[in-house]
Protein backbone atom coordinates (compact mmCIF):
# COMPACT_ATOMS: atom_id res chain seq x y z
CA MET A 1 13.12 36.01 57.32
CA ALA A 2 12.52 38.88 54.88
CA ILE A 3 14.06 42.26 55.61
CA VAL A 4 10.82 44.06 54.66
CA THR A 5 7.41 42.95 55.93
CA ILE A 6 4.12 43.44 54.16
CA ALA A 7 3.08 46.02 56.84
CA ALA A 8 6.23 48.05 56.54
CA PHE A 9 5.95 47.95 52.74
CA GLN A 10 2.32 49.10 52.75
CA ASN A 11 3.19 51.88 55.19
CA TRP A 12 6.04 52.99 52.89
CA ALA A 13 4.02 52.72 49.67
CA ARG A 14 1.06 54.64 51.05
CA ASN A 15 -1.91 54.30 48.69
CA GLU A 16 0.10 54.35 45.45
CA LEU A 17 -0.44 50.65 44.55
CA GLY A 18 -4.15 50.58 44.00
CA SER A 19 -5.75 47.21 44.71
CA ALA A 20 -2.66 45.06 45.34
CA ASP A 21 -3.59 42.31 47.77
CA ASP A 22 -1.25 40.86 50.43
CA THR A 23 -0.51 37.75 48.27
CA ALA A 24 0.71 39.90 45.36
CA ILE A 25 2.70 42.16 47.68
CA GLN A 26 4.36 39.18 49.42
CA ALA A 27 5.24 37.74 45.97
CA ALA A 28 6.72 41.08 44.91
CA LEU A 29 8.66 41.42 48.23
CA ASP A 30 9.97 37.87 47.85
CA ALA A 31 11.05 38.58 44.27
CA ALA A 32 12.71 41.90 45.34
CA HIS A 33 14.59 40.23 48.20
CA TYR A 34 15.98 37.54 46.04
CA ALA A 35 16.88 39.97 43.23
CA ALA A 36 18.79 42.15 45.75
CA TYR A 37 20.51 39.10 47.28
CA ASP A 38 21.47 37.79 43.83
CA TYR A 39 22.70 41.21 42.64
CA CYS A 40 24.81 41.69 45.72
CA GLY A 41 26.01 38.08 46.14
CA ARG A 42 24.86 38.09 49.79
CA SER A 43 21.82 37.89 52.02
CA PHE A 44 20.88 40.76 54.33
CA GLU A 45 19.21 38.53 56.93
CA VAL A 46 19.70 39.48 60.58
CA ALA A 47 21.99 36.98 62.36
CA GLY A 48 20.37 34.29 64.48
CA ALA A 49 21.85 31.44 66.50
CA ALA A 50 25.25 30.17 65.67
CA SER A 51 25.57 27.25 63.28
CA ALA A 52 28.44 25.49 61.44
CA ARG A 53 29.15 25.94 57.78
CA SER A 54 32.01 24.48 55.71
CA PHE A 55 34.17 26.45 53.29
CA VAL A 56 36.77 25.78 50.57
CA PRO A 57 39.93 27.81 51.19
CA LEU A 58 41.27 29.31 47.95
CA SER A 59 44.55 30.49 49.39
CA TRP A 60 46.70 29.50 52.34
CA ASP A 61 46.16 32.68 54.40
CA VAL A 62 42.72 34.17 53.59
CA LEU A 63 39.37 32.30 53.81
CA VAL A 64 36.35 33.98 52.27
CA ILE A 65 33.23 33.17 54.41
CA ASN A 66 29.55 34.10 54.36
CA ASP A 67 28.51 37.28 56.25
CA CYS A 68 28.56 36.80 60.00
CA THR A 69 28.56 38.99 63.16
CA SER A 70 30.34 36.74 65.55
CA ILE A 71 32.53 33.59 65.30
CA THR A 72 32.27 30.83 67.91
CA SER A 73 34.80 28.34 66.55
CA VAL A 74 37.04 27.52 63.54
CA LEU A 75 38.23 24.10 62.46
CA ASN A 76 40.98 23.78 59.95
CA ASP A 77 40.98 20.20 58.53
CA GLY A 78 39.42 19.00 61.77
CA SER A 79 41.83 20.85 64.10
CA THR A 80 40.60 23.72 66.30
CA VAL A 81 42.09 27.09 65.44
CA ALA A 82 42.55 29.26 68.51
CA ALA A 83 40.84 32.65 68.48
CA GLY A 84 44.17 34.48 68.56
CA ASP A 85 45.49 32.52 65.47
CA TYR A 86 43.05 34.11 63.04
CA GLN A 87 41.77 37.61 62.31
CA ALA A 88 38.12 38.23 61.32
CA GLU A 89 37.91 40.91 58.61
CA PRO A 90 37.03 43.67 58.06
CA VAL A 91 38.79 44.35 61.28
CA GLY A 92 36.39 45.48 63.99
CA GLY A 93 33.36 44.86 61.72
CA ARG A 94 33.68 48.34 60.15
CA SER A 95 33.81 49.34 56.46
CA VAL A 96 36.11 51.99 55.15
CA ALA A 97 33.22 54.44 55.68
CA THR A 98 33.01 53.25 59.34
CA ALA A 99 29.63 51.57 58.88
CA THR A 100 28.96 48.41 60.84
CA VAL A 101 29.33 45.46 58.47
CA PRO A 102 29.58 41.69 58.95
CA PHE A 103 32.84 39.71 58.78
CA THR A 104 33.48 38.30 55.34
CA ARG A 105 36.99 36.85 55.67
CA LEU A 106 39.28 35.05 58.09
CA ARG A 107 42.97 35.71 57.93
CA LEU A 108 45.04 32.93 59.41
CA LEU A 109 47.85 34.45 61.36
CA THR A 110 49.77 31.31 62.23
CA GLY A 111 49.99 28.30 59.89
CA ARG A 112 48.02 27.79 56.65
CA TRP A 113 44.49 26.88 55.60
CA ALA A 114 44.22 23.36 54.42
CA VAL A 115 44.02 24.01 50.69
CA ASP A 116 43.09 20.58 49.18
CA GLU A 117 41.91 20.70 45.57
CA GLY A 118 38.47 22.13 46.22
CA ARG A 119 37.68 20.19 49.44
CA ALA A 120 35.69 22.02 52.07
CA SER A 121 38.34 21.68 54.72
CA VAL A 122 37.48 24.61 56.99
CA THR A 123 34.38 24.64 59.25
CA VAL A 124 33.29 27.85 60.90
CA THR A 125 30.63 28.05 63.56
CA ALA A 126 29.17 31.62 63.64
CA ALA A 127 26.11 33.79 63.83
CA TRP A 128 25.49 34.14 60.05
CA GLY A 129 24.03 37.37 58.76
CA TRP A 130 24.06 41.03 59.72
CA ALA A 131 23.65 42.70 63.08
CA VAL A 132 20.98 44.87 61.46
CA ALA A 133 19.77 44.83 57.87
CA PRO A 134 21.52 47.74 56.07
CA PRO A 135 19.12 50.59 55.50
CA ALA A 136 20.16 50.95 51.87
CA ALA A 137 19.14 47.25 51.20
CA VAL A 138 15.77 47.76 52.95
CA GLU A 139 15.03 50.79 50.81
CA ALA A 140 16.20 49.10 47.59
CA VAL A 141 13.89 46.16 48.31
CA LYS A 142 10.94 48.46 48.83
CA VAL A 143 11.56 50.40 45.63
CA LEU A 144 12.13 47.22 43.63
CA ALA A 145 8.97 45.57 45.09
CA LYS A 146 6.92 48.64 44.10
CA ASP A 147 8.43 48.50 40.62
CA ILE A 148 7.47 44.78 40.35
CA LEU A 149 3.98 45.45 41.38
CA GLN A 150 3.63 48.30 38.86
CA GLN A 151 4.84 46.00 36.10
CA ARG A 152 1.39 44.35 36.16
CA ASP A 153 0.33 47.40 34.15
CA THR A 154 2.96 47.09 31.44
CA ARG A 155 3.05 44.85 28.40
CA ASN A 156 6.23 43.90 26.62
CA GLY A 157 8.19 46.57 28.44
CA VAL A 158 5.87 49.36 27.34
CA ALA A 159 4.32 51.30 30.16
CA GLY A 160 2.13 53.50 27.96
CA PHE A 161 2.05 55.76 24.90
CA GLY A 162 2.93 59.47 24.77
CA ASP A 163 3.03 62.13 22.05
CA PHE A 164 6.15 60.56 20.47
CA GLY A 165 5.33 56.79 20.77
CA SER A 166 5.73 54.25 23.48
CA ILE A 167 7.12 54.92 26.93
CA ARG A 168 9.47 52.04 27.82
CA VAL A 169 10.36 50.64 31.24
CA ARG A 170 14.01 50.68 32.17
CA GLN A 171 16.12 49.42 35.11
CA ASN A 172 15.83 51.57 38.23
CA PRO A 173 19.11 53.43 38.70
CA TYR A 174 18.18 54.27 42.29
CA VAL A 175 18.02 50.54 43.29
CA ALA A 176 21.49 49.95 41.71
CA MET A 177 22.87 53.08 43.46
CA LEU A 178 21.62 51.76 46.85
CA LEU A 179 22.86 48.20 46.30
CA ASP A 180 26.28 48.73 44.58
CA PRO A 181 28.15 49.54 47.77
CA LEU A 182 26.75 46.32 49.38
CA ARG A 183 27.98 44.04 46.64
CA ARG A 184 30.51 41.35 47.53
CA GLY A 185 33.55 41.21 45.26
CA ASP A 186 32.49 37.83 43.81
CA SER A 187 29.20 39.32 42.64
CA TRP A 188 31.26 41.56 40.34
CA GLY A 189 33.26 38.55 39.13
CA ILE A 190 36.15 39.42 41.39
CA GLY A 191 37.63 36.99 43.88
């Protein structure tokens, strides 16, 4: 499910979009959602029912997982890992700035993850996603969707002409400012 609905977007955009119909708005919202997800290396969907996912451990003690709000069970190479034998991180589901964030790593406190040449040897059952979509991501998607809709009026990156020539379209720094703190390390090429 998208983190911004057509109704919420139309309310936010007021009457600034002219004759954009619901189909065009939905297409722009979908593109903005996926662009934000791709840029950040994560989805901002709200967690639903728990389901199992498999992961490849890259080290013996820390396992990088998808965003989740709660963990039901962990299997390491088919063996159940007791809840007291691993630590979900960030600890307490809080960022350095004390914002509520999902868990993104499991630290094995006893034993080792079964690291086996790229084999997905760890299965985690969890509620995948965020408790609430982060407000910065919601705003970034709205701004980006509006930019996408307004691109219908540009040609070859030129929005119009002024006294000194063409007025070019550039990347929106506001969207990047909102999304940068939400990026996972691997979206930066780290990890």
